[in-house]
């Protein structure tokens, strides 16, 4: 079962299963290091619909909620 990145809690991690969006968005996320099969860990989720701070491949990224809801993850068992 997959969940959207913006639904994950602080400290949880998961593997990117799919990215819903156009080719441009998928290419932009790929350039940032967000690709299917990669593991993402949620560092912090800003209140009031702010961005989600994640760690992927040793790099921290802030991803806006509108984009985060389009990134579907397969949650890790240890999450």
PDB file of N, CA and C in Angstrom:
ATOM      1  N   UNK A   1       0.841  -1.185   0.000  1.00  0.00           N
ATOM      2  CA  UNK A   1       0.000   0.000   0.000  1.00  0.00           C
ATOM      3  C   UNK A   1       0.885   1.247   0.000  1.00  0.00           C
ATOM      4  N   UNK A   2       0.621   2.161  -0.888  1.00  0.00           N
ATOM      5  CA  UNK A   2       1.414   3.381  -0.956  1.00  0.00           C
ATOM      6  C   UNK A   2       0.693   4.535  -0.269  1.00  0.00           C
ATOM      7  N   UNK A   3       1.495   5.491   0.207  1.00  0.00           N
ATOM      8  CA  UNK A   3       0.949   6.702   0.821  1.00  0.00           C
ATOM      9  C   UNK A   3       1.668   7.899   0.213  1.00  0.00           C
ATOM     10  N   UNK A   4       1.013   9.041   0.254  1.00  0.00           N
ATOM     11  CA  UNK A   4       1.623  10.263  -0.260  1.00  0.00           C
ATOM     12  C   UNK A   4       2.687  10.751   0.718  1.00  0.00           C
ATOM     13  N   UNK A   5       3.732  11.369   0.187  1.00  0.00           N
ATOM     14  CA  UNK A   5       4.818  11.878   1.018  1.00  0.00           C
ATOM     15  C   UNK A   5       4.305  12.833   2.088  1.00  0.00           C
ATOM     16  N   UNK A   6       3.338  13.670   1.760  1.00  0.00           N
ATOM     17  CA  UNK A   6       2.834  14.644   2.732  1.00  0.00           C
ATOM     18  C   UNK A   6       2.037  13.998   3.861  1.00  0.00           C
ATOM     19  N   UNK A   7       1.724  12.709   3.760  1.00  0.00           N
ATOM     20  CA  UNK A   7       1.002  11.990   4.817  1.00  0.00           C
ATOM     21  C   UNK A   7       1.948  11.292   5.789  1.00  0.00           C
ATOM     22  N   UNK A   8       3.224  11.261   5.460  1.00  0.00           N
ATOM     23  CA  UNK A   8       4.213  10.601   6.323  1.00  0.00           C
ATOM     24  C   UNK A   8       4.529  11.497   7.520  1.00  0.00           C
ATOM     25  N   UNK A   9       4.854  10.871   8.643  1.00  0.00           N
ATOM     26  CA  UNK A   9       5.193  11.587   9.872  1.00  0.00           C
ATOM     27  C   UNK A   9       6.698  11.757  10.009  1.00  0.00           C
ATOM     28  N   UNK A  10       7.094  12.673  10.870  1.00  0.00           N
ATOM     29  CA  UNK A  10       8.510  12.920  11.135  1.00  0.00           C
ATOM     30  C   UNK A  10       9.193  11.621  11.545  1.00  0.00           C
ATOM     31  N   UNK A  11      10.343  11.333  10.933  1.00  0.00           N
ATOM     32  CA  UNK A  11      11.105  10.141  11.245  1.00  0.00           C
ATOM     33  C   UNK A  11      10.757   8.927  10.399  1.00  0.00           C
ATOM     34  N   UNK A  12       9.621   8.943   9.728  1.00  0.00           N
ATOM     35  CA  UNK A  12       9.242   7.816   8.887  1.00  0.00           C
ATOM     36  C   UNK A  12      10.022   7.855   7.578  1.00  0.00           C
ATOM     37  N   UNK A  13      10.194   6.694   7.002  1.00  0.00           N
ATOM     38  CA  UNK A  13      10.861   6.619   5.708  1.00  0.00           C
ATOM     39  C   UNK A  13      10.117   5.652   4.810  1.00  0.00           C
ATOM     40  N   UNK A  14      10.413   5.753   3.539  1.00  0.00           N
ATOM     41  CA  UNK A  14       9.777   4.878   2.572  1.00  0.00           C
ATOM     42  C   UNK A  14      10.496   4.943   1.244  1.00  0.00           C
ATOM     43  N   UNK A  15      10.134   4.026   0.375  1.00  0.00           N
ATOM     44  CA  UNK A  15      10.720   3.949  -0.952  1.00  0.00           C
ATOM     45  C   UNK A  15       9.766   4.585  -1.949  1.00  0.00           C
ATOM     46  N   UNK A  16      10.298   5.427  -2.819  1.00  0.00           N
ATOM     47  CA  UNK A  16       9.470   6.085  -3.836  1.00  0.00           C
ATOM     48  C   UNK A  16       8.921   5.016  -4.764  1.00  0.00           C
ATOM     49  N   UNK A  17       7.594   4.913  -4.821  1.00  0.00           N
ATOM     50  CA  UNK A  17       6.935   3.931  -5.671  1.00  0.00           C
ATOM     51  C   UNK A  17       6.589   4.545  -7.021  1.00  0.00           C
ATOM     52  N   UNK A  18       6.071   5.765  -6.992  1.00  0.00           N
ATOM     53  CA  UNK A  18       5.692   6.443  -8.232  1.00  0.00           C
ATOM     54  C   UNK A  18       5.539   7.932  -7.992  1.00  0.00           C
ATOM     55  N   UNK A  19       5.599   8.674  -9.081  1.00  0.00           N
ATOM     56  CA  UNK A  19       5.420  10.115  -9.032  1.00  0.00           C
ATOM     57  C   UNK A  19       4.302  10.465 -10.007  1.00  0.00           C
ATOM     58  N   UNK A  20       3.230  11.031  -9.493  1.00  0.00           N
ATOM     59  CA  UNK A  20       2.107  11.445 -10.322  1.00  0.00           C
ATOM     60  C   UNK A  20       2.352  12.872 -10.775  1.00  0.00           C
ATOM     61  N   UNK A  21       2.411  13.072 -12.050  1.00  0.00           N
ATOM     62  CA  UNK A  21       2.637  14.410 -12.583  1.00  0.00           C
ATOM     63  C   UNK A  21       3.156  14.327 -13.999  1.00  0.00           C
ATOM     64  N   UNK A  22       3.308  15.463 -14.593  1.00  0.00           N
ATOM     65  CA  UNK A  22       3.792  15.526 -15.959  1.00  0.00           C
ATOM     66  C   UNK A  22       5.270  15.218 -16.067  1.00  0.00           C
ATOM     67  N   UNK A  23       5.709  15.111 -17.299  1.00  0.00           N
ATOM     68  CA  UNK A  23       7.114  14.798 -17.548  1.00  0.00           C
ATOM     69  C   UNK A  23       8.041  15.851 -16.954  1.00  0.00           C
ATOM     70  N   UNK A  24       7.659  17.115 -17.041  1.00  0.00           N
ATOM     71  CA  UNK A  24       8.481  18.185 -16.496  1.00  0.00           C
ATOM     72  C   UNK A  24       8.701  18.048 -14.995  1.00  0.00           C
ATOM     73  N   UNK A  25       7.639  17.721 -14.264  1.00  0.00           N
ATOM     74  CA  UNK A  25       7.771  17.554 -12.814  1.00  0.00           C
ATOM     75  C   UNK A  25       8.631  16.342 -12.490  1.00  0.00           C
ATOM     76  N   UNK A  26       8.419  15.254 -13.200  1.00  0.00           N
ATOM     77  CA  UNK A  26       9.229  14.055 -12.954  1.00  0.00           C
ATOM     78  C   UNK A  26      10.701  14.317 -13.248  1.00  0.00           C
ATOM     79  N   UNK A  27      10.984  15.059 -14.312  1.00  0.00           N
ATOM     80  CA  UNK A  27      12.376  15.387 -14.640  1.00  0.00           C
ATOM     81  C   UNK A  27      12.986  16.295 -13.588  1.00  0.00           C
ATOM     82  N   UNK A  28      12.226  17.270 -13.116  1.00  0.00           N
ATOM     83  CA  UNK A  28      12.730  18.194 -12.094  1.00  0.00           C
ATOM     84  C   UNK A  28      13.044  17.443 -10.800  1.00  0.00           C
ATOM     85  N   UNK A  29      12.120  16.576 -10.375  1.00  0.00           N
ATOM     86  CA  UNK A  29      12.355  15.785  -9.167  1.00  0.00           C
ATOM     87  C   UNK A  29      13.531  14.832  -9.355  1.00  0.00           C
ATOM     88  N   UNK A  30      13.664  14.256 -10.533  1.00  0.00           N
ATOM     89  CA  UNK A  30      14.788  13.376 -10.814  1.00  0.00           C
ATOM     90  C   UNK A  30      16.103  14.134 -10.713  1.00  0.00           C
ATOM     91  N   UNK A  31      16.138  15.363 -11.200  1.00  0.00           N
ATOM     92  CA  UNK A  31      17.344  16.190 -11.110  1.00  0.00           C
ATOM     93  C   UNK A  31      17.697  16.496  -9.654  1.00  0.00           C
ATOM     94  N   UNK A  32      16.677  16.548  -8.783  1.00  0.00           N
ATOM     95  CA  UNK A  32      16.904  16.784  -7.352  1.00  0.00           C
ATOM     96  C   UNK A  32      17.257  15.498  -6.609  1.00  0.00           C
ATOM     97  N   UNK A  33      17.154  14.362  -7.296  1.00  0.00           N
ATOM     98  CA  UNK A  33      17.497  13.088  -6.675  1.00  0.00           C
ATOM     99  C   UNK A  33      16.310  12.280  -6.209  1.00  0.00           C
ATOM    100  N   UNK A  34      15.097  12.691  -6.561  1.00  0.00           N
ATOM    101  CA  UNK A  34      13.884  11.964  -6.165  1.00  0.00           C
ATOM    102  C   UNK A  34      13.446  11.117  -7.356  1.00  0.00           C
ATOM    103  N   UNK A  35      13.724   9.796  -7.257  1.00  0.00           N
ATOM    104  CA  UNK A  35      13.409   8.876  -8.343  1.00  0.00           C
ATOM    105  C   UNK A  35      12.750   7.620  -7.778  1.00  0.00           C
ATOM    106  N   UNK A  36      11.912   6.960  -8.552  1.00  0.00           N
ATOM    107  CA  UNK A  36      11.346   5.696  -8.090  1.00  0.00           C
ATOM    108  C   UNK A  36      12.456   4.729  -7.674  1.00  0.00           C
ATOM    109  N   UNK A  37      12.254   4.078  -6.529  1.00  0.00           N
ATOM    110  CA  UNK A  37      13.228   3.142  -5.992  1.00  0.00           C
ATOM    111  C   UNK A  37      14.120   3.753  -4.921  1.00  0.00           C
ATOM    112  N   UNK A  38      14.167   5.089  -4.839  1.00  0.00           N
ATOM    113  CA  UNK A  38      14.986   5.763  -3.834  1.00  0.00           C
ATOM    114  C   UNK A  38      14.264   5.803  -2.490  1.00  0.00           C
ATOM    115  N   UNK A  39      15.044   5.850  -1.411  1.00  0.00           N
ATOM    116  CA  UNK A  39      14.490   5.917  -0.063  1.00  0.00           C
ATOM    117  C   UNK A  39      14.484   7.366   0.416  1.00  0.00           C
ATOM    118  N   UNK A  40      13.344   7.782   0.960  1.00  0.00           N
ATOM    119  CA  UNK A  40      13.166   9.136   1.492  1.00  0.00           C
ATOM    120  C   UNK A  40      12.844   9.026   2.969  1.00  0.00           C
ATOM    121  N   UNK A  41      13.453   9.895   3.787  1.00  0.00           N
ATOM    122  CA  UNK A  41      13.119   9.967   5.215  1.00  0.00           C
ATOM    123  C   UNK A  41      12.609  11.366   5.507  1.00  0.00           C
ATOM    124  N   UNK A  42      11.480  11.443   6.199  1.00  0.00           N
ATOM    125  CA  UNK A  42      10.889  12.732   6.560  1.00  0.00           C
ATOM    126  C   UNK A  42      11.624  13.286   7.774  1.00  0.00           C
ATOM    127  N   UNK A  43      12.187  14.472   7.608  1.00  0.00           N
ATOM    128  CA  UNK A  43      12.917  15.138   8.692  1.00  0.00           C
ATOM    129  C   UNK A  43      11.987  16.035   9.503  1.00  0.00           C
ATOM    130  N   UNK A  44      11.125  16.755   8.786  1.00  0.00           N
ATOM    131  CA  UNK A  44      10.214  17.689   9.450  1.00  0.00           C
ATOM    132  C   UNK A  44       9.106  18.045   8.475  1.00  0.00           C
ATOM    133  N   UNK A  45       7.951  18.316   9.027  1.00  0.00           N
ATOM    134  CA  UNK A  45       6.807  18.733   8.237  1.00  0.00           C
ATOM    135  C   UNK A  45       6.326  20.063   8.798  1.00  0.00           C
ATOM    136  N   UNK A  46       6.496  21.125   8.027  1.00  0.00           N
ATOM    137  CA  UNK A  46       6.142  22.462   8.499  1.00  0.00           C
ATOM    138  C   UNK A  46       4.624  22.581   8.687  1.00  0.00           C
ATOM    139  N   UNK A  47       4.208  23.329   9.706  1.00  0.00           N
ATOM    140  CA  UNK A  47       2.772  23.505   9.943  1.00  0.00           C
ATOM    141  C   UNK A  47       2.132  24.433   8.907  1.00  0.00           C
ATOM    142  N   UNK A  48       0.815  24.452   8.916  1.00  0.00           N
ATOM    143  CA  UNK A  48       0.035  25.363   8.071  1.00  0.00           C
ATOM    144  C   UNK A  48       0.353  25.200   6.594  1.00  0.00           C
ATOM    145  N   UNK A  49       0.409  23.947   6.151  1.00  0.00           N
ATOM    146  CA  UNK A  49       0.610  23.618   4.742  1.00  0.00           C
ATOM    147  C   UNK A  49       1.965  24.054   4.205  1.00  0.00           C
ATOM    148  N   UNK A  50       2.954  24.162   5.085  1.00  0.00           N
ATOM    149  CA  UNK A  50       4.312  24.496   4.671  1.00  0.00           C
ATOM    150  C   UNK A  50       4.980  23.294   4.024  1.00  0.00           C
ATOM    151  N   UNK A  51       6.232  23.450   3.614  1.00  0.00           N
ATOM    152  CA  UNK A  51       6.924  22.358   2.924  1.00  0.00           C
ATOM    153  C   UNK A  51       7.279  21.195   3.841  1.00  0.00           C
ATOM    154  N   UNK A  52       7.598  20.075   3.217  1.00  0.00           N
ATOM    155  CA  UNK A  52       8.041  18.878   3.915  1.00  0.00           C
ATOM    156  C   UNK A  52       9.554  18.795   3.715  1.00  0.00           C
ATOM    157  N   UNK A  53      10.318  18.739   4.806  1.00  0.00           N
ATOM    158  CA  UNK A  53      11.765  18.618   4.730  1.00  0.00           C
ATOM    159  C   UNK A  53      12.108  17.137   4.773  1.00  0.00           C
ATOM    160  N   UNK A  54      12.803  16.671   3.739  1.00  0.00           N
ATOM    161  CA  UNK A  54      13.139  15.248   3.633  1.00  0.00           C
ATOM    162  C   UNK A  54      14.634  15.074   3.425  1.00  0.00           C
ATOM    163  N   UNK A  55      15.099  13.859   3.704  1.00  0.00           N
ATOM    164  CA  UNK A  55      16.477  13.480   3.408  1.00  0.00           C
ATOM    165  C   UNK A  55      16.434  12.364   2.382  1.00  0.00           C
ATOM    166  N   UNK A  56      17.195  12.548   1.319  1.00  0.00           N
ATOM    167  CA  UNK A  56      17.281  11.525   0.279  1.00  0.00           C
ATOM    168  C   UNK A  56      18.715  11.486  -0.218  1.00  0.00           C
ATOM    169  N   UNK A  57      19.329  10.339  -0.123  1.00  0.00           N
ATOM    170  CA  UNK A  57      20.711  10.183  -0.559  1.00  0.00           C
ATOM    171  C   UNK A  57      21.685  11.085   0.165  1.00  0.00           C
ATOM    172  N   UNK A  58      21.436  11.350   1.451  1.00  0.00           N
ATOM    173  CA  UNK A  58      22.323  12.194   2.239  1.00  0.00           C
ATOM    174  C   UNK A  58      22.117  13.686   2.040  1.00  0.00           C
ATOM    175  N   UNK A  59      21.136  14.070   1.236  1.00  0.00           N
ATOM    176  CA  UNK A  59      20.845  15.473   0.963  1.00  0.00           C
ATOM    177  C   UNK A  59      19.475  15.826   1.514  1.00  0.00           C
ATOM    178  N   UNK A  60      19.372  16.999   2.147  1.00  0.00           N
ATOM    179  CA  UNK A  60      18.080  17.463   2.636  1.00  0.00           C
ATOM    180  C   UNK A  60      17.425  18.357   1.592  1.00  0.00           C
ATOM    181  N   UNK A  61      16.139  18.130   1.371  1.00  0.00           N
ATOM    182  CA  UNK A  61      15.355  18.905   0.413  1.00  0.00           C
ATOM    183  C   UNK A  61      14.068  19.360   1.065  1.00  0.00           C
ATOM    184  N   UNK A  62      13.613  20.551   0.699  1.00  0.00           N
ATOM    185  CA  UNK A  62      12.295  21.020   1.105  1.00  0.00           C
ATOM    186  C   UNK A  62      11.382  20.860  -0.105  1.00  0.00           C
ATOM    187  N   UNK A  63      10.317  20.112   0.063  1.00  0.00           N
ATOM    188  CA  UNK A  63       9.385  19.845  -1.030  1.00  0.00           C
ATOM    189  C   UNK A  63       8.028  20.414  -0.652  1.00  0.00           C
ATOM    190  N   UNK A  64       7.484  21.244  -1.517  1.00  0.00           N
ATOM    191  CA  UNK A  64       6.178  21.844  -1.281  1.00  0.00           C
ATOM    192  C   UNK A  64       5.091  20.796  -1.173  1.00  0.00           C
ATOM    193  N   UNK A  65       4.068  21.105  -0.393  1.00  0.00           N
ATOM    194  CA  UNK A  65       2.986  20.129  -0.152  1.00  0.00           C
ATOM    195  C   UNK A  65       2.269  19.712  -1.428  1.00  0.00           C
ATOM    196  N   UNK A  66       2.090  20.640  -2.361  1.00  0.00           N
ATOM    197  CA  UNK A  66       1.389  20.287  -3.601  1.00  0.00           C
ATOM    198  C   UNK A  66       2.166  19.237  -4.391  1.00  0.00           C
ATOM    199  N   UNK A  67       3.478  19.306  -4.345  1.00  0.00           N
ATOM    200  CA  UNK A  67       4.303  18.292  -5.016  1.00  0.00           C
ATOM    201  C   UNK A  67       4.412  17.043  -4.151  1.00  0.00           C
ATOM    202  N   UNK A  68       4.542  17.213  -2.832  1.00  0.00           N
ATOM    203  CA  UNK A  68       4.677  16.077  -1.918  1.00  0.00           C
ATOM    204  C   UNK A  68       3.470  15.140  -2.001  1.00  0.00           C
ATOM    205  N   UNK A  69       2.297  15.685  -2.262  1.00  0.00           N
ATOM    206  CA  UNK A  69       1.121  14.808  -2.344  1.00  0.00           C
ATOM    207  C   UNK A  69       1.117  13.977  -3.623  1.00  0.00           C
ATOM    208  N   UNK A  70       1.967  14.317  -4.576  1.00  0.00           N
ATOM    209  CA  UNK A  70       2.052  13.561  -5.827  1.00  0.00           C
ATOM    210  C   UNK A  70       3.137  12.488  -5.794  1.00  0.00           C
ATOM    211  N   UNK A  71       3.947  12.489  -4.738  1.00  0.00           N
ATOM    212  CA  UNK A  71       5.000  11.481  -4.585  1.00  0.00           C
ATOM    213  C   UNK A  71       4.453  10.366  -3.702  1.00  0.00           C
ATOM    214  N   UNK A  72       4.324   9.176  -4.263  1.00  0.00           N
ATOM    215  CA  UNK A  72       3.778   8.033  -3.535  1.00  0.00           C
ATOM    216  C   UNK A  72       4.907   7.144  -3.053  1.00  0.00           C
ATOM    217  N   UNK A  73       4.841   6.783  -1.760  1.00  0.00           N
ATOM    218  CA  UNK A  73       5.888   5.975  -1.129  1.00  0.00           C
ATOM    219  C   UNK A  73       5.339   4.652  -0.641  1.00  0.00           C
ATOM    220  N   UNK A  74       6.201   3.660  -0.650  1.00  0.00           N
ATOM    221  CA  UNK A  74       5.929   2.389   0.009  1.00  0.00           C
ATOM    222  C   UNK A  74       6.625   2.488   1.354  1.00  0.00           C
ATOM    223  N   UNK A  75       5.865   2.660   2.464  1.00  0.00           N
ATOM    224  CA  UNK A  75       6.487   2.869   3.774  1.00  0.00           C
ATOM    225  C   UNK A  75       7.404   1.709   4.170  1.00  0.00           C
ATOM    226  N   UNK A  76       8.511   2.045   4.845  1.00  0.00           N
ATOM    227  CA  UNK A  76       9.432   1.037   5.357  1.00  0.00           C
ATOM    228  C   UNK A  76       8.780   0.328   6.532  1.00  0.00           C
ATOM    229  N   UNK A  77       9.158  -0.913   6.748  1.00  0.00           N
ATOM    230  CA  UNK A  77       8.613  -1.685   7.873  1.00  0.00           C
ATOM    231  C   UNK A  77       9.032  -1.093   9.202  1.00  0.00           C
ATOM    232  N   UNK A  78      10.186  -0.438   9.245  1.00  0.00           N
ATOM    233  CA  UNK A  78      10.695   0.126  10.489  1.00  0.00           C
ATOM    234  C   UNK A  78      10.202   1.545  10.731  1.00  0.00           C
ATOM    235  N   UNK A  79       9.373   2.078   9.831  1.00  0.00           N
ATOM    236  CA  UNK A  79       8.892   3.456   9.942  1.00  0.00           C
ATOM    237  C   UNK A  79       7.895   3.609  11.059  1.00  0.00           C
TER     238      UNK A  79
END
